Amino acid sequence: MPRRALRKVDPSVDLSRQFRAAADLPLPWDQSALFDRVAPLEVEVGSGKGLFLASAAAGNPDHNFLGIEVARKYALHAASRIATRGLHNACLVHGDALAIFRELLPDASLAAVHVYFPDPWWKARHRKRRVMNDKFLKDVERTLLPGGILHFWTDVQEYFETTLALIPAATRLIGPLEVPERMAQHDLDYRTHFERRMRLSGEPVYRTEFRKTGRME
């Protein structure tokens, strides 16, 4: 199924609350500078077109959602989607997610981390570039609150199996926890556009969750 080209971002849409460059994030970290409040914060690594972020923010108004996307055109597209829907509890950041986790996000600050369909970097010599590496996973464990959840989905079985082995080797997160597939209720009732494309093509999607020990306050 071919991918649709991104539509142009309407220049009249105000993105001042929904889009940031990584260099403009508050240092030291202060989520109220982005959302005008402090609430349970969930971070998505690689937001693509922003379907998950928009759906999650609309469905969970008591949480804040931060999406990090390395491709500026996709970050702007996702920010426009959120802004058009008037979602003030979501924000897109254009930047390197691994650096933001490593250098900015404090310990025990996140209710959840979402990683959906990251680039598999197929060639063996390129696999060190995968986002699901031991250093990033240690930062995920560090930044999650007790009871916080790491969500990981991919369409690449080898990547899935490698990551399932890596997480317990690199962290003390509990899992893998089963995530059953559910029927879509409408055309955009999918976690991401990539999941929609895979499932409509009849391709498998591998899903799991890992949880940090302790109780969420």
N, C-alpha and C. Protein backbone atom coordinates (compact mmCIF):
# COMPACT_ATOMS: atom_id res chain seq x y z
N MET A 1 0.85 -1.19 0.00
CA MET A 1 0.00 0.00 0.00
C MET A 1 0.88 1.24 0.00
N PRO A 2 0.85 2.08 -1.05
CA PRO A 2 1.74 3.23 -1.13
C PRO A 2 1.42 4.26 -0.06
N ARG A 3 2.46 4.97 0.36
CA ARG A 3 2.27 6.02 1.35
C ARG A 3 1.82 7.30 0.67
N ARG A 4 0.86 7.97 1.29
CA ARG A 4 0.39 9.24 0.76
C ARG A 4 1.39 10.35 1.08
N ALA A 5 1.51 11.28 0.14
CA ALA A 5 2.39 12.42 0.39
C ALA A 5 1.79 13.29 1.49
N LEU A 6 2.66 13.91 2.28
CA LEU A 6 2.19 14.81 3.33
C LEU A 6 1.52 16.04 2.70
N ARG A 7 0.38 16.41 3.23
CA ARG A 7 -0.24 17.64 2.77
C ARG A 7 0.53 18.82 3.36
N LYS A 8 0.47 19.95 2.69
CA LYS A 8 1.17 21.15 3.16
C LYS A 8 0.50 21.67 4.43
N VAL A 9 1.33 22.14 5.34
CA VAL A 9 0.81 22.71 6.58
C VAL A 9 0.21 24.07 6.28
N ASP A 10 -1.01 24.29 6.71
CA ASP A 10 -1.70 25.57 6.53
C ASP A 10 -0.96 26.65 7.32
N PRO A 11 -0.40 27.64 6.65
CA PRO A 11 0.38 28.66 7.37
C PRO A 11 -0.46 29.51 8.32
N SER A 12 -1.78 29.46 8.18
CA SER A 12 -2.63 30.24 9.08
C SER A 12 -2.86 29.55 10.43
N VAL A 13 -2.48 28.27 10.53
CA VAL A 13 -2.67 27.53 11.79
C VAL A 13 -1.60 27.97 12.79
N ASP A 14 -2.03 28.37 13.96
CA ASP A 14 -1.12 28.81 15.01
C ASP A 14 -0.51 27.60 15.71
N LEU A 15 0.80 27.41 15.54
CA LEU A 15 1.49 26.27 16.14
C LEU A 15 2.29 26.67 17.37
N SER A 16 2.07 27.85 17.89
CA SER A 16 2.92 28.36 18.98
C SER A 16 2.83 27.51 20.24
N ARG A 17 1.71 26.81 20.46
CA ARG A 17 1.58 25.96 21.63
C ARG A 17 1.88 24.50 21.34
N GLN A 18 1.92 24.14 20.06
CA GLN A 18 2.04 22.73 19.72
C GLN A 18 3.34 22.34 19.03
N PHE A 19 4.26 23.26 18.83
CA PHE A 19 5.50 22.92 18.14
C PHE A 19 6.67 23.62 18.81
N ARG A 20 7.75 22.85 19.02
CA ARG A 20 8.99 23.39 19.57
C ARG A 20 10.18 22.76 18.87
N ALA A 21 11.25 23.49 18.76
CA ALA A 21 12.54 22.91 18.40
C ALA A 21 13.19 22.44 19.69
N ALA A 22 13.99 21.39 19.59
CA ALA A 22 14.61 20.84 20.79
C ALA A 22 15.42 21.89 21.54
N ALA A 23 16.06 22.79 20.81
CA ALA A 23 16.88 23.82 21.44
C ALA A 23 16.06 24.80 22.26
N ASP A 24 14.75 24.83 22.01
CA ASP A 24 13.88 25.78 22.72
C ASP A 24 13.19 25.15 23.93
N LEU A 25 13.46 23.91 24.22
CA LEU A 25 12.85 23.27 25.38
C LEU A 25 13.42 23.86 26.67
N PRO A 26 12.61 23.93 27.73
CA PRO A 26 13.09 24.56 28.98
C PRO A 26 14.20 23.75 29.64
N LEU A 27 15.20 24.44 30.10
CA LEU A 27 16.34 23.85 30.79
C LEU A 27 16.62 24.67 32.05
N PRO A 28 16.47 24.12 33.25
CA PRO A 28 16.07 22.74 33.55
C PRO A 28 14.63 22.46 33.11
N TRP A 29 14.33 21.18 33.00
CA TRP A 29 13.04 20.73 32.50
C TRP A 29 11.89 21.29 33.34
N ASP A 30 10.85 21.78 32.64
CA ASP A 30 9.65 22.30 33.30
C ASP A 30 8.49 22.09 32.34
N GLN A 31 7.69 21.03 32.53
CA GLN A 31 6.63 20.76 31.57
C GLN A 31 5.55 21.83 31.58
N SER A 32 5.43 22.60 32.67
CA SER A 32 4.42 23.66 32.70
C SER A 32 4.74 24.76 31.70
N ALA A 33 6.02 24.87 31.28
CA ALA A 33 6.37 25.86 30.26
C ALA A 33 5.82 25.47 28.90
N LEU A 34 5.50 24.20 28.70
CA LEU A 34 4.93 23.74 27.43
C LEU A 34 3.41 23.62 27.49
N PHE A 35 2.89 23.19 28.63
CA PHE A 35 1.47 22.86 28.71
C PHE A 35 0.67 23.77 29.65
N ASP A 36 1.34 24.73 30.29
CA ASP A 36 0.68 25.62 31.26
C ASP A 36 0.09 24.85 32.44
N ARG A 37 0.59 23.66 32.70
CA ARG A 37 0.15 22.88 33.85
C ARG A 37 1.13 21.73 34.03
N VAL A 38 1.06 21.09 35.17
CA VAL A 38 1.79 19.85 35.42
C VAL A 38 0.77 18.74 35.52
N ALA A 39 0.95 17.68 34.74
CA ALA A 39 0.04 16.53 34.71
C ALA A 39 0.88 15.30 34.37
N PRO A 40 0.32 14.09 34.55
CA PRO A 40 1.06 12.89 34.11
C PRO A 40 1.49 13.06 32.66
N LEU A 41 2.78 12.85 32.40
CA LEU A 41 3.36 13.12 31.09
C LEU A 41 3.72 11.83 30.38
N GLU A 42 3.28 11.71 29.12
CA GLU A 42 3.64 10.57 28.28
C GLU A 42 4.42 11.09 27.08
N VAL A 43 5.46 10.36 26.69
CA VAL A 43 6.33 10.78 25.59
C VAL A 43 6.29 9.73 24.49
N GLU A 44 6.10 10.20 23.26
CA GLU A 44 6.19 9.32 22.10
C GLU A 44 7.48 9.61 21.35
N VAL A 45 8.25 8.57 21.07
CA VAL A 45 9.49 8.70 20.32
C VAL A 45 9.21 8.34 18.87
N GLY A 46 9.32 9.34 17.98
CA GLY A 46 9.04 9.13 16.56
C GLY A 46 7.56 9.24 16.27
N SER A 47 7.04 10.45 16.24
CA SER A 47 5.59 10.66 16.16
C SER A 47 5.03 10.58 14.75
N GLY A 48 5.89 10.61 13.73
CA GLY A 48 5.38 10.51 12.37
C GLY A 48 4.33 11.55 12.06
N LYS A 49 3.17 11.11 11.56
CA LYS A 49 2.10 12.04 11.18
C LYS A 49 1.24 12.47 12.37
N GLY A 50 1.49 11.91 13.54
CA GLY A 50 0.82 12.40 14.75
C GLY A 50 -0.51 11.76 15.08
N LEU A 51 -0.84 10.62 14.44
CA LEU A 51 -2.14 10.01 14.72
C LEU A 51 -2.24 9.56 16.17
N PHE A 52 -1.21 8.87 16.68
CA PHE A 52 -1.28 8.43 18.07
C PHE A 52 -1.39 9.61 19.01
N LEU A 53 -0.54 10.61 18.82
CA LEU A 53 -0.51 11.73 19.75
C LEU A 53 -1.86 12.45 19.79
N ALA A 54 -2.45 12.67 18.62
CA ALA A 54 -3.75 13.36 18.57
C ALA A 54 -4.84 12.52 19.23
N SER A 55 -4.87 11.22 18.93
CA SER A 55 -5.90 10.36 19.51
C SER A 55 -5.73 10.22 21.01
N ALA A 56 -4.49 10.05 21.46
CA ALA A 56 -4.23 9.87 22.88
C ALA A 56 -4.54 11.14 23.66
N ALA A 57 -4.15 12.29 23.12
CA ALA A 57 -4.41 13.55 23.81
C ALA A 57 -5.90 13.84 23.91
N ALA A 58 -6.64 13.53 22.84
CA ALA A 58 -8.08 13.74 22.86
C ALA A 58 -8.77 12.79 23.83
N GLY A 59 -8.27 11.56 23.90
CA GLY A 59 -8.91 10.56 24.75
C GLY A 59 -8.48 10.58 26.20
N ASN A 60 -7.39 11.31 26.49
CA ASN A 60 -6.87 11.38 27.87
C ASN A 60 -6.56 12.82 28.24
N PRO A 61 -7.59 13.64 28.42
CA PRO A 61 -7.36 15.07 28.65
C PRO A 61 -6.64 15.38 29.97
N ASP A 62 -6.60 14.42 30.89
CA ASP A 62 -5.91 14.65 32.16
C ASP A 62 -4.42 14.38 32.09
N HIS A 63 -3.94 13.91 30.94
CA HIS A 63 -2.51 13.67 30.73
C HIS A 63 -1.96 14.67 29.73
N ASN A 64 -0.67 14.95 29.83
CA ASN A 64 0.05 15.71 28.81
C ASN A 64 0.82 14.73 27.93
N PHE A 65 0.96 15.08 26.63
CA PHE A 65 1.63 14.21 25.67
C PHE A 65 2.68 15.00 24.90
N LEU A 66 3.91 14.49 24.92
CA LEU A 66 5.02 15.11 24.21
C LEU A 66 5.48 14.16 23.12
N GLY A 67 5.43 14.61 21.87
CA GLY A 67 5.92 13.82 20.76
C GLY A 67 7.27 14.35 20.30
N ILE A 68 8.19 13.45 20.00
CA ILE A 68 9.52 13.85 19.52
C ILE A 68 9.72 13.22 18.15
N GLU A 69 10.02 14.07 17.17
CA GLU A 69 10.16 13.61 15.78
C GLU A 69 11.40 14.25 15.16
N VAL A 70 12.29 13.42 14.59
CA VAL A 70 13.54 13.93 14.05
C VAL A 70 13.36 14.60 12.70
N ALA A 71 12.31 14.24 11.94
CA ALA A 71 12.06 14.83 10.63
C ALA A 71 11.17 16.07 10.80
N ARG A 72 11.69 17.22 10.44
CA ARG A 72 10.96 18.46 10.71
C ARG A 72 9.62 18.53 10.00
N LYS A 73 9.54 18.03 8.75
CA LYS A 73 8.29 18.13 8.02
C LYS A 73 7.20 17.29 8.68
N TYR A 74 7.59 16.15 9.25
CA TYR A 74 6.61 15.33 9.96
C TYR A 74 6.24 15.96 11.30
N ALA A 75 7.21 16.54 11.98
CA ALA A 75 6.91 17.20 13.25
C ALA A 75 5.92 18.35 13.03
N LEU A 76 6.11 19.13 11.97
CA LEU A 76 5.20 20.22 11.67
C LEU A 76 3.82 19.69 11.28
N HIS A 77 3.79 18.63 10.51
CA HIS A 77 2.51 18.02 10.11
C HIS A 77 1.75 17.55 11.35
N ALA A 78 2.43 16.84 12.25
CA ALA A 78 1.77 16.34 13.45
C ALA A 78 1.32 17.49 14.35
N ALA A 79 2.15 18.51 14.48
CA ALA A 79 1.77 19.67 15.29
C ALA A 79 0.53 20.35 14.71
N SER A 80 0.46 20.43 13.39
CA SER A 80 -0.70 21.03 12.74
C SER A 80 -1.96 20.21 13.01
N ARG A 81 -1.83 18.89 12.99
CA ARG A 81 -2.98 18.01 13.28
C ARG A 81 -3.51 18.29 14.70
N ILE A 82 -2.59 18.43 15.64
CA ILE A 82 -2.98 18.65 17.03
C ILE A 82 -3.57 20.04 17.22
N ALA A 83 -2.93 21.04 16.60
CA ALA A 83 -3.41 22.41 16.74
C ALA A 83 -4.79 22.57 16.12
N THR A 84 -5.00 21.96 14.97
CA THR A 84 -6.30 22.07 14.29
C THR A 84 -7.42 21.50 15.16
N ARG A 85 -7.09 20.49 15.95
CA ARG A 85 -8.09 19.88 16.84
C ARG A 85 -8.17 20.59 18.18
N GLY A 86 -7.38 21.64 18.37
CA GLY A 86 -7.46 22.40 19.61
C GLY A 86 -6.99 21.64 20.83
N LEU A 87 -6.00 20.76 20.65
CA LEU A 87 -5.50 19.94 21.75
C LEU A 87 -4.33 20.64 22.42
N HIS A 88 -4.58 21.20 23.59
CA HIS A 88 -3.54 21.94 24.30
C HIS A 88 -2.73 21.07 25.24
N ASN A 89 -3.08 19.79 25.33
CA ASN A 89 -2.31 18.87 26.18
C ASN A 89 -1.35 18.02 25.37
N ALA A 90 -1.01 18.47 24.16
CA ALA A 90 -0.04 17.77 23.32
C ALA A 90 0.89 18.78 22.67
N CYS A 91 2.14 18.36 22.49
CA CYS A 91 3.14 19.24 21.87
C CYS A 91 4.14 18.37 21.10
N LEU A 92 4.54 18.84 19.92
CA LEU A 92 5.54 18.16 19.09
C LEU A 92 6.88 18.87 19.20
N VAL A 93 7.91 18.08 19.36
CA VAL A 93 9.27 18.60 19.40
C VAL A 93 10.05 18.06 18.21
N HIS A 94 10.70 18.95 17.48
CA HIS A 94 11.58 18.54 16.39
C HIS A 94 12.97 18.37 16.98
N GLY A 95 13.45 17.13 17.02
CA GLY A 95 14.78 16.92 17.56
C GLY A 95 15.11 15.45 17.74
N ASP A 96 16.24 15.19 18.36
CA ASP A 96 16.77 13.85 18.59
C ASP A 96 16.23 13.34 19.93
N ALA A 97 15.37 12.35 19.88
CA ALA A 97 14.73 11.85 21.09
C ALA A 97 15.76 11.30 22.07
N LEU A 98 16.77 10.59 21.57
CA LEU A 98 17.75 9.99 22.48
C LEU A 98 18.50 11.06 23.26
N ALA A 99 18.83 12.17 22.59
CA ALA A 99 19.52 13.26 23.27
C ALA A 99 18.60 13.94 24.28
N ILE A 100 17.33 14.10 23.94
CA ILE A 100 16.38 14.73 24.87
C ILE A 100 16.21 13.88 26.11
N PHE A 101 16.10 12.57 25.94
CA PHE A 101 16.02 11.68 27.11
C PHE A 101 17.30 11.78 27.92
N ARG A 102 18.43 11.72 27.25
CA ARG A 102 19.72 11.66 27.93
C ARG A 102 20.04 12.96 28.67
N GLU A 103 19.73 14.09 28.06
CA GLU A 103 20.22 15.38 28.56
C GLU A 103 19.18 16.23 29.27
N LEU A 104 17.90 15.92 29.09
CA LEU A 104 16.88 16.87 29.55
C LEU A 104 15.87 16.27 30.52
N LEU A 105 15.32 15.12 30.20
CA LEU A 105 14.21 14.59 31.00
C LEU A 105 14.73 14.06 32.33
N PRO A 106 14.13 14.50 33.44
CA PRO A 106 14.63 14.10 34.76
C PRO A 106 14.16 12.71 35.18
N ASP A 107 14.77 12.22 36.24
CA ASP A 107 14.40 10.92 36.79
C ASP A 107 12.92 10.93 37.19
N ALA A 108 12.25 9.78 37.03
CA ALA A 108 10.89 9.57 37.52
C ALA A 108 9.96 10.72 37.15
N SER A 109 9.93 11.06 35.85
CA SER A 109 9.12 12.18 35.38
C SER A 109 8.04 11.78 34.39
N LEU A 110 8.02 10.52 33.93
CA LEU A 110 7.13 10.12 32.85
C LEU A 110 6.18 9.00 33.28
N ALA A 111 4.92 9.14 32.88
CA ALA A 111 3.95 8.08 33.13
C ALA A 111 4.07 6.96 32.10
N ALA A 112 4.52 7.29 30.89
CA ALA A 112 4.65 6.28 29.84
C ALA A 112 5.60 6.77 28.77
N VAL A 113 6.23 5.81 28.09
CA VAL A 113 7.04 6.06 26.90
C VAL A 113 6.49 5.17 25.79
N HIS A 114 6.25 5.76 24.62
CA HIS A 114 5.68 5.05 23.48
C HIS A 114 6.67 5.03 22.34
N VAL A 115 6.99 3.84 21.83
CA VAL A 115 7.87 3.70 20.67
C VAL A 115 7.16 2.79 19.68
N TYR A 116 6.67 3.38 18.59
CA TYR A 116 5.88 2.62 17.62
C TYR A 116 6.57 2.60 16.25
N PHE A 117 6.87 1.41 15.77
CA PHE A 117 7.41 1.20 14.42
C PHE A 117 8.67 2.03 14.14
N PRO A 118 9.68 1.94 15.02
CA PRO A 118 10.92 2.67 14.75
C PRO A 118 11.64 2.08 13.55
N ASP A 119 12.50 2.90 12.95
CA ASP A 119 13.29 2.47 11.80
C ASP A 119 14.09 1.22 12.18
N PRO A 120 13.92 0.11 11.43
CA PRO A 120 14.63 -1.13 11.80
C PRO A 120 16.11 -1.14 11.44
N TRP A 121 16.57 -0.21 10.60
CA TRP A 121 17.97 -0.20 10.16
C TRP A 121 18.38 -1.63 9.78
N TRP A 122 17.91 -2.05 8.62
CA TRP A 122 18.00 -3.44 8.21
C TRP A 122 19.41 -4.01 8.17
N LYS A 123 20.37 -3.25 7.66
CA LYS A 123 21.72 -3.80 7.51
C LYS A 123 22.38 -3.99 8.87
N ALA A 124 23.09 -5.11 9.02
CA ALA A 124 23.69 -5.44 10.31
C ALA A 124 24.63 -4.34 10.80
N ARG A 125 25.37 -3.73 9.88
CA ARG A 125 26.34 -2.71 10.30
C ARG A 125 25.65 -1.41 10.74
N HIS A 126 24.35 -1.28 10.45
CA HIS A 126 23.61 -0.07 10.83
C HIS A 126 22.76 -0.26 12.09
N ARG A 127 22.71 -1.47 12.61
CA ARG A 127 21.79 -1.74 13.72
C ARG A 127 22.14 -1.00 15.00
N LYS A 128 23.38 -0.53 15.09
CA LYS A 128 23.74 0.28 16.25
C LYS A 128 22.97 1.61 16.27
N ARG A 129 22.34 1.96 15.15
CA ARG A 129 21.56 3.20 15.08
C ARG A 129 20.13 3.01 15.58
N ARG A 130 19.72 1.80 15.87
CA ARG A 130 18.37 1.56 16.33
C ARG A 130 18.09 2.32 17.63
N VAL A 131 16.88 2.86 17.72
CA VAL A 131 16.53 3.62 18.91
C VAL A 131 16.45 2.71 20.13
N MET A 132 16.01 1.46 19.94
CA MET A 132 15.90 0.54 21.07
C MET A 132 17.25 -0.09 21.35
N ASN A 133 18.12 0.71 21.96
CA ASN A 133 19.44 0.23 22.35
C ASN A 133 19.58 0.31 23.86
N ASP A 134 20.65 -0.26 24.40
CA ASP A 134 20.75 -0.38 25.85
C ASP A 134 20.82 0.97 26.54
N LYS A 135 21.49 1.96 25.95
CA LYS A 135 21.59 3.27 26.60
C LYS A 135 20.24 3.96 26.65
N PHE A 136 19.49 3.91 25.55
CA PHE A 136 18.17 4.52 25.56
C PHE A 136 17.25 3.80 26.54
N LEU A 137 17.30 2.48 26.57
CA LEU A 137 16.43 1.74 27.47
C LEU A 137 16.74 2.05 28.93
N LYS A 138 17.99 2.27 29.26
CA LYS A 138 18.34 2.68 30.62
C LYS A 138 17.75 4.05 30.93
N ASP A 139 17.73 4.95 29.93
CA ASP A 139 17.11 6.25 30.14
C ASP A 139 15.60 6.14 30.27
N VAL A 140 14.99 5.22 29.53
CA VAL A 140 13.55 4.97 29.70
C VAL A 140 13.27 4.53 31.12
N GLU A 141 14.03 3.57 31.62
CA GLU A 141 13.83 3.10 32.99
C GLU A 141 14.03 4.23 33.99
N ARG A 142 15.05 5.03 33.79
CA ARG A 142 15.34 6.14 34.70
C ARG A 142 14.23 7.17 34.74
N THR A 143 13.67 7.51 33.57
CA THR A 143 12.70 8.60 33.49
C THR A 143 11.27 8.16 33.82
N LEU A 144 10.98 6.86 33.75
CA LEU A 144 9.64 6.40 34.10
C LEU A 144 9.39 6.52 35.59
N LEU A 145 8.17 6.91 35.92
CA LEU A 145 7.71 6.85 37.30
C LEU A 145 7.53 5.38 37.70
N PRO A 146 7.56 5.06 39.00
CA PRO A 146 7.17 3.71 39.40
C PRO A 146 5.76 3.39 38.88
N GLY A 147 5.62 2.25 38.25
CA GLY A 147 4.35 1.89 37.63
C GLY A 147 4.21 2.37 36.21
N GLY A 148 5.17 3.18 35.72
CA GLY A 148 5.13 3.69 34.35
C GLY A 148 5.37 2.58 33.34
N ILE A 149 4.91 2.81 32.11
CA ILE A 149 4.90 1.76 31.09
C ILE A 149 5.69 2.17 29.85
N LEU A 150 6.47 1.23 29.34
CA LEU A 150 7.11 1.34 28.03
C LEU A 150 6.27 0.54 27.04
N HIS A 151 5.76 1.21 26.00
CA HIS A 151 5.00 0.57 24.93
C HIS A 151 5.91 0.45 23.71
N PHE A 152 6.04 -0.75 23.16
CA PHE A 152 6.88 -0.95 21.97
C PHE A 152 6.13 -1.82 20.97
N TRP A 153 5.97 -1.29 19.75
CA TRP A 153 5.34 -2.03 18.65
C TRP A 153 6.26 -1.95 17.43
N THR A 154 6.29 -3.04 16.66
CA THR A 154 7.05 -3.05 15.42
C THR A 154 6.44 -4.08 14.48
N ASP A 155 6.73 -3.93 13.20
CA ASP A 155 6.30 -4.93 12.22
C ASP A 155 7.46 -5.86 11.85
N VAL A 156 8.60 -5.70 12.49
CA VAL A 156 9.80 -6.49 12.17
C VAL A 156 10.03 -7.51 13.29
N GLN A 157 9.80 -8.78 13.00
CA GLN A 157 9.89 -9.81 14.02
C GLN A 157 11.28 -9.88 14.64
N GLU A 158 12.32 -9.78 13.82
CA GLU A 158 13.68 -9.86 14.35
C GLU A 158 13.95 -8.72 15.33
N TYR A 159 13.49 -7.50 14.99
CA TYR A 159 13.67 -6.34 15.88
C TYR A 159 12.90 -6.58 17.18
N PHE A 160 11.70 -7.10 17.08
CA PHE A 160 10.88 -7.38 18.25
C PHE A 160 11.59 -8.38 19.17
N GLU A 161 12.04 -9.48 18.61
CA GLU A 161 12.66 -10.52 19.43
C GLU A 161 13.98 -10.04 20.03
N THR A 162 14.75 -9.29 19.26
CA THR A 162 16.01 -8.74 19.78
C THR A 162 15.75 -7.79 20.94
N THR A 163 14.71 -6.96 20.81
CA THR A 163 14.38 -6.00 21.86
C THR A 163 13.85 -6.70 23.10
N LEU A 164 13.04 -7.75 22.92
CA LEU A 164 12.54 -8.51 24.07
C LEU A 164 13.69 -9.11 24.88
N ALA A 165 14.77 -9.47 24.20
CA ALA A 165 15.94 -10.00 24.90
C ALA A 165 16.77 -8.89 25.53
N LEU A 166 16.80 -7.72 24.88
CA LEU A 166 17.65 -6.62 25.34
C LEU A 166 17.09 -5.95 26.58
N ILE A 167 15.77 -5.75 26.65
CA ILE A 167 15.18 -4.99 27.75
C ILE A 167 15.51 -5.59 29.11
N PRO A 168 15.29 -6.89 29.34
CA PRO A 168 15.65 -7.43 30.66
C PRO A 168 17.15 -7.48 30.92
N ALA A 169 17.95 -7.47 29.86
CA ALA A 169 19.40 -7.45 30.04
C ALA A 169 19.89 -6.06 30.45
N ALA A 170 19.19 -5.02 29.98
CA ALA A 170 19.64 -3.65 30.22
C ALA A 170 18.91 -2.97 31.37
N THR A 171 17.73 -3.47 31.76
CA THR A 171 16.89 -2.80 32.75
C THR A 171 16.27 -3.82 33.70
N ARG A 172 15.55 -3.28 34.70
CA ARG A 172 14.77 -4.12 35.61
C ARG A 172 13.28 -3.97 35.34
N LEU A 173 12.92 -3.50 34.15
CA LEU A 173 11.51 -3.38 33.80
C LEU A 173 10.86 -4.76 33.76
N ILE A 174 9.60 -4.81 34.15
CA ILE A 174 8.86 -6.07 34.21
C ILE A 174 8.14 -6.30 32.89
N GLY A 175 8.31 -7.48 32.32
CA GLY A 175 7.67 -7.81 31.06
C GLY A 175 8.40 -8.96 30.40
N PRO A 176 8.01 -9.28 29.18
CA PRO A 176 7.02 -8.59 28.33
C PRO A 176 5.59 -8.88 28.76
N LEU A 177 4.72 -7.88 28.64
CA LEU A 177 3.31 -8.01 28.93
C LEU A 177 2.54 -8.05 27.62
N GLU A 178 1.56 -8.90 27.56
CA GLU A 178 0.82 -9.10 26.31
C GLU A 178 -0.07 -7.89 26.00
N VAL A 179 -0.10 -7.53 24.73
CA VAL A 179 -0.98 -6.46 24.23
C VAL A 179 -1.82 -7.06 23.12
N PRO A 180 -3.05 -7.44 23.39
CA PRO A 180 -3.87 -8.09 22.35
C PRO A 180 -4.26 -7.13 21.25
N GLU A 181 -4.37 -7.66 20.04
CA GLU A 181 -4.88 -6.87 18.92
C GLU A 181 -6.38 -6.70 19.06
N ARG A 182 -6.88 -5.53 18.70
CA ARG A 182 -8.32 -5.30 18.75
C ARG A 182 -8.81 -4.83 17.39
N MET A 183 -10.08 -5.02 17.15
CA MET A 183 -10.68 -4.62 15.88
C MET A 183 -10.80 -3.10 15.82
N ALA A 184 -10.47 -2.52 14.68
CA ALA A 184 -10.64 -1.08 14.48
C ALA A 184 -12.12 -0.75 14.34
N GLN A 185 -12.55 0.33 15.00
CA GLN A 185 -13.94 0.74 14.95
C GLN A 185 -14.23 1.70 13.79
N HIS A 186 -13.18 2.31 13.25
CA HIS A 186 -13.34 3.19 12.10
C HIS A 186 -12.00 3.30 11.38
N ASP A 187 -11.93 4.04 10.30
CA ASP A 187 -10.77 4.02 9.41
C ASP A 187 -9.48 4.51 10.06
N LEU A 188 -9.58 5.36 11.06
CA LEU A 188 -8.38 5.87 11.72
C LEU A 188 -8.27 5.37 13.16
N ASP A 189 -8.95 4.27 13.46
CA ASP A 189 -8.89 3.71 14.80
C ASP A 189 -7.71 2.74 14.91
N TYR A 190 -6.53 3.29 14.73
CA TYR A 190 -5.29 2.53 14.84
C TYR A 190 -4.32 3.34 15.68
N ARG A 191 -3.31 2.67 16.23
CA ARG A 191 -2.36 3.38 17.07
C ARG A 191 -1.58 4.41 16.27
N THR A 192 -1.15 4.05 15.06
CA THR A 192 -0.45 4.97 14.18
C THR A 192 -0.87 4.70 12.74
N HIS A 193 -0.49 5.61 11.85
CA HIS A 193 -0.75 5.38 10.43
C HIS A 193 -0.01 4.13 9.94
N PHE A 194 1.15 3.88 10.51
CA PHE A 194 1.91 2.71 10.07
C PHE A 194 1.19 1.43 10.46
N GLU A 195 0.61 1.40 11.68
CA GLU A 195 -0.16 0.22 12.06
C GLU A 195 -1.33 0.03 11.11
N ARG A 196 -2.01 1.12 10.76
CA ARG A 196 -3.14 1.04 9.83
C ARG A 196 -2.69 0.41 8.52
N ARG A 197 -1.57 0.87 7.98
CA ARG A 197 -1.07 0.38 6.70
C ARG A 197 -0.73 -1.11 6.78
N MET A 198 -0.07 -1.52 7.88
CA MET A 198 0.30 -2.92 8.04
C MET A 198 -0.93 -3.81 8.15
N ARG A 199 -1.87 -3.41 8.97
CA ARG A 199 -3.02 -4.28 9.20
C ARG A 199 -3.94 -4.36 7.99
N LEU A 200 -4.09 -3.25 7.26
CA LEU A 200 -4.91 -3.30 6.06
C LEU A 200 -4.25 -4.13 4.97
N SER A 201 -2.92 -4.27 5.06
CA SER A 201 -2.19 -5.11 4.11
C SER A 201 -2.11 -6.56 4.58
N GLY A 202 -2.66 -6.85 5.75
CA GLY A 202 -2.61 -8.21 6.29
C GLY A 202 -1.27 -8.60 6.88
N GLU A 203 -0.42 -7.62 7.19
CA GLU A 203 0.90 -7.90 7.75
C GLU A 203 0.83 -7.95 9.27
N PRO A 204 1.67 -8.77 9.90
CA PRO A 204 1.63 -8.87 11.37
C PRO A 204 2.23 -7.64 12.04
N VAL A 205 1.72 -7.35 13.23
CA VAL A 205 2.26 -6.30 14.08
C VAL A 205 2.59 -6.93 15.42
N TYR A 206 3.81 -6.71 15.91
CA TYR A 206 4.27 -7.28 17.17
C TYR A 206 4.20 -6.20 18.24
N ARG A 207 3.54 -6.51 19.36
CA ARG A 207 3.26 -5.52 20.40
C ARG A 207 3.71 -6.05 21.76
N THR A 208 4.20 -5.15 22.59
CA THR A 208 4.52 -5.53 23.96
C THR A 208 4.53 -4.30 24.85
N GLU A 209 4.47 -4.55 26.15
CA GLU A 209 4.63 -3.51 27.17
C GLU A 209 5.58 -4.01 28.23
N PHE A 210 6.31 -3.08 28.83
CA PHE A 210 7.13 -3.35 30.01
C PHE A 210 6.78 -2.30 31.06
N ARG A 211 6.78 -2.71 32.31
CA ARG A 211 6.36 -1.83 33.40
C ARG A 211 7.49 -1.65 34.42
N LYS A 212 7.63 -0.42 34.90
CA LYS A 212 8.61 -0.18 35.97
C LYS A 212 8.01 -0.62 37.31
N THR A 213 8.82 -1.21 38.12
CA THR A 213 8.32 -1.70 39.39
C THR A 213 7.88 -0.55 40.29
N GLY A 214 6.96 -0.85 41.17
CA GLY A 214 6.44 0.15 42.09
C GLY A 214 5.06 0.61 41.70
N ARG A 215 4.52 1.53 42.48
CA ARG A 215 3.15 2.01 42.27
C ARG A 215 3.18 3.44 41.79
N MET A 216 2.35 3.76 40.78
CA MET A 216 2.22 5.12 40.28
C MET A 216 1.52 5.96 41.31
N GLU A 217 2.10 7.12 41.64
CA GLU A 217 1.47 8.04 42.61
C GLU A 217 0.36 8.82 41.92
